[in-house]
Amino acid sequence: MSLGCDRKWDFECTAAWSEDGVEVWQKVYSYPQMQDEHAATAQCKQEMLEAKPKRANSAVCHCVGQE
């Protein structure tokens, strides 16, 4: 569910890699001042594929630092 970030926020994205349905690795990426959740998610997916292209499973982003 989107938090409806309607202006630039800092985003935290969790990337997960799975093997046979079991999560085997996870990494958290931080993106300051991204335009929106979609931009942060796209960046996270790109970075997770560069880091470990095989078994990349999901990228979930959320806003952090909202007042």
N, C-alpha and C. Protein backbone atom coordinates (compact mmCIF):
# COMPACT_ATOMS: atom_id res chain seq x y z
N MET A 1 0.84 -1.18 0.00
CA MET A 1 0.00 0.00 0.00
C MET A 1 0.88 1.24 0.00
N SER A 2 0.60 2.15 -0.87
CA SER A 2 1.38 3.38 -0.97
C SER A 2 1.01 4.33 0.15
N LEU A 3 2.01 5.03 0.64
CA LEU A 3 1.76 6.02 1.68
C LEU A 3 1.38 7.37 1.08
N GLY A 4 1.30 7.44 -0.24
CA GLY A 4 0.88 8.67 -0.88
C GLY A 4 1.87 9.80 -0.72
N CYS A 5 3.13 9.52 -0.93
CA CYS A 5 4.15 10.56 -0.82
C CYS A 5 3.96 11.53 -1.97
N ASP A 6 3.55 12.74 -1.67
CA ASP A 6 3.21 13.67 -2.74
C ASP A 6 4.27 14.74 -2.96
N ARG A 7 5.39 14.63 -2.29
CA ARG A 7 6.52 15.52 -2.56
C ARG A 7 7.79 14.74 -2.25
N LYS A 8 8.93 15.36 -2.45
CA LYS A 8 10.18 14.61 -2.29
C LYS A 8 10.38 14.19 -0.83
N TRP A 9 10.63 12.90 -0.66
CA TRP A 9 10.88 12.32 0.65
C TRP A 9 12.12 11.44 0.57
N ASP A 10 12.61 11.09 1.73
CA ASP A 10 13.64 10.06 1.78
C ASP A 10 12.92 8.71 1.76
N PHE A 11 13.45 7.78 1.01
CA PHE A 11 12.85 6.45 0.91
C PHE A 11 13.83 5.40 1.39
N GLU A 12 13.28 4.36 1.99
CA GLU A 12 14.05 3.20 2.37
C GLU A 12 13.46 2.03 1.61
N CYS A 13 14.31 1.29 0.92
CA CYS A 13 13.83 0.18 0.09
C CYS A 13 14.52 -1.11 0.52
N THR A 14 13.72 -2.14 0.67
CA THR A 14 14.25 -3.44 1.04
C THR A 14 14.20 -4.35 -0.18
N ALA A 15 15.35 -4.83 -0.59
CA ALA A 15 15.45 -5.76 -1.71
C ALA A 15 15.64 -7.16 -1.15
N ALA A 16 14.98 -8.14 -1.77
CA ALA A 16 15.08 -9.51 -1.29
C ALA A 16 15.38 -10.46 -2.44
N TRP A 17 16.16 -11.45 -2.14
CA TRP A 17 16.50 -12.50 -3.09
C TRP A 17 16.02 -13.83 -2.52
N SER A 18 15.41 -14.64 -3.35
CA SER A 18 14.86 -15.92 -2.89
C SER A 18 15.38 -17.07 -3.73
N GLU A 19 15.42 -18.22 -3.10
CA GLU A 19 15.78 -19.46 -3.79
C GLU A 19 14.79 -20.52 -3.36
N ASP A 20 14.10 -21.10 -4.32
CA ASP A 20 13.07 -22.11 -4.04
C ASP A 20 12.04 -21.61 -3.04
N GLY A 21 11.65 -20.35 -3.16
CA GLY A 21 10.61 -19.78 -2.31
C GLY A 21 11.08 -19.35 -0.93
N VAL A 22 12.36 -19.47 -0.65
CA VAL A 22 12.90 -19.10 0.66
C VAL A 22 13.83 -17.90 0.49
N GLU A 23 13.59 -16.88 1.29
CA GLU A 23 14.46 -15.70 1.20
C GLU A 23 15.86 -16.06 1.67
N VAL A 24 16.85 -15.77 0.82
CA VAL A 24 18.23 -16.14 1.14
C VAL A 24 19.12 -14.92 1.41
N TRP A 25 18.67 -13.74 0.98
CA TRP A 25 19.49 -12.55 1.19
C TRP A 25 18.61 -11.33 1.13
N GLN A 26 18.97 -10.31 1.91
CA GLN A 26 18.20 -9.07 1.93
C GLN A 26 19.16 -7.90 2.09
N LYS A 27 18.84 -6.80 1.46
CA LYS A 27 19.65 -5.59 1.59
C LYS A 27 18.72 -4.39 1.60
N VAL A 28 19.04 -3.42 2.46
CA VAL A 28 18.25 -2.20 2.54
C VAL A 28 19.02 -1.07 1.87
N TYR A 29 18.35 -0.39 0.95
CA TYR A 29 18.91 0.76 0.25
C TYR A 29 18.20 2.01 0.74
N SER A 30 18.93 3.12 0.82
CA SER A 30 18.34 4.40 1.19
C SER A 30 18.49 5.38 0.04
N TYR A 31 17.41 6.09 -0.24
CA TYR A 31 17.41 7.07 -1.33
C TYR A 31 16.90 8.40 -0.80
N PRO A 32 17.77 9.39 -0.67
CA PRO A 32 17.32 10.70 -0.20
C PRO A 32 16.64 11.49 -1.32
N GLN A 33 15.56 12.14 -0.96
CA GLN A 33 14.89 13.10 -1.84
C GLN A 33 14.50 12.54 -3.21
N MET A 34 13.95 11.35 -3.23
CA MET A 34 13.43 10.80 -4.48
C MET A 34 12.08 11.46 -4.77
N GLN A 35 11.72 11.50 -6.04
CA GLN A 35 10.49 12.18 -6.45
C GLN A 35 9.24 11.50 -5.89
N ASP A 36 9.21 10.16 -5.98
CA ASP A 36 8.06 9.42 -5.48
C ASP A 36 8.44 7.95 -5.26
N GLU A 37 7.48 7.20 -4.76
CA GLU A 37 7.73 5.79 -4.43
C GLU A 37 8.09 4.98 -5.68
N HIS A 38 7.47 5.31 -6.82
CA HIS A 38 7.77 4.57 -8.05
C HIS A 38 9.22 4.77 -8.48
N ALA A 39 9.71 6.00 -8.37
CA ALA A 39 11.10 6.29 -8.74
C ALA A 39 12.06 5.55 -7.82
N ALA A 40 11.75 5.53 -6.53
CA ALA A 40 12.61 4.83 -5.57
C ALA A 40 12.60 3.33 -5.84
N THR A 41 11.42 2.78 -6.13
CA THR A 41 11.32 1.34 -6.40
C THR A 41 12.09 0.97 -7.67
N ALA A 42 11.98 1.79 -8.70
CA ALA A 42 12.70 1.53 -9.95
C ALA A 42 14.21 1.55 -9.72
N GLN A 43 14.68 2.51 -8.94
CA GLN A 43 16.11 2.60 -8.64
C GLN A 43 16.56 1.38 -7.84
N CYS A 44 15.74 0.98 -6.88
CA CYS A 44 16.07 -0.18 -6.04
C CYS A 44 16.14 -1.45 -6.89
N LYS A 45 15.18 -1.64 -7.79
CA LYS A 45 15.19 -2.83 -8.65
C LYS A 45 16.43 -2.85 -9.53
N GLN A 46 16.81 -1.69 -10.05
CA GLN A 46 18.00 -1.62 -10.89
C GLN A 46 19.24 -1.99 -10.09
N GLU A 47 19.36 -1.44 -8.89
CA GLU A 47 20.55 -1.71 -8.07
C GLU A 47 20.60 -3.16 -7.60
N MET A 48 19.44 -3.74 -7.27
CA MET A 48 19.46 -5.12 -6.79
C MET A 48 19.83 -6.07 -7.92
N LEU A 49 19.42 -5.76 -9.15
CA LEU A 49 19.80 -6.61 -10.28
C LEU A 49 21.28 -6.47 -10.60
N GLU A 50 21.83 -5.28 -10.39
CA GLU A 50 23.27 -5.10 -10.59
C GLU A 50 24.07 -5.83 -9.51
N ALA A 51 23.56 -5.83 -8.28
CA ALA A 51 24.27 -6.47 -7.17
C ALA A 51 24.24 -7.99 -7.30
N LYS A 52 23.06 -8.54 -7.52
CA LYS A 52 22.90 -9.99 -7.64
C LYS A 52 21.77 -10.26 -8.63
N PRO A 53 22.10 -10.43 -9.89
CA PRO A 53 21.05 -10.59 -10.90
C PRO A 53 20.22 -11.86 -10.75
N LYS A 54 20.80 -12.91 -10.21
CA LYS A 54 20.06 -14.16 -10.08
C LYS A 54 19.25 -14.18 -8.79
N ARG A 55 18.03 -14.67 -8.90
CA ARG A 55 17.13 -14.87 -7.76
C ARG A 55 16.62 -13.57 -7.14
N ALA A 56 16.79 -12.44 -7.82
CA ALA A 56 16.21 -11.20 -7.30
C ALA A 56 14.70 -11.38 -7.25
N ASN A 57 14.10 -11.07 -6.12
CA ASN A 57 12.70 -11.42 -5.91
C ASN A 57 11.80 -10.22 -5.74
N SER A 58 12.14 -9.29 -4.88
CA SER A 58 11.23 -8.17 -4.63
C SER A 58 11.98 -6.94 -4.17
N ALA A 59 11.35 -5.80 -4.42
CA ALA A 59 11.87 -4.52 -3.94
C ALA A 59 10.68 -3.75 -3.37
N VAL A 60 10.74 -3.44 -2.09
CA VAL A 60 9.63 -2.75 -1.43
C VAL A 60 10.16 -1.45 -0.83
N CYS A 61 9.52 -0.34 -1.19
CA CYS A 61 9.98 0.97 -0.72
C CYS A 61 8.90 1.65 0.12
N HIS A 62 9.36 2.45 1.06
CA HIS A 62 8.42 3.26 1.85
C HIS A 62 9.09 4.57 2.23
N CYS A 63 8.27 5.56 2.54
CA CYS A 63 8.77 6.88 2.93
C CYS A 63 9.33 6.81 4.35
N VAL A 64 10.38 7.56 4.57
CA VAL A 64 10.89 7.72 5.93
C VAL A 64 11.06 9.21 6.19
N GLY A 65 10.95 9.60 7.44
CA GLY A 65 11.21 10.98 7.80
C GLY A 65 10.06 11.93 7.56
N GLN A 66 8.84 11.42 7.39
CA GLN A 66 7.71 12.32 7.23
C GLN A 66 7.41 13.01 8.54
N GLU A 67 6.99 14.26 8.45
CA GLU A 67 6.69 15.00 9.68
C GLU A 67 5.24 14.87 10.03
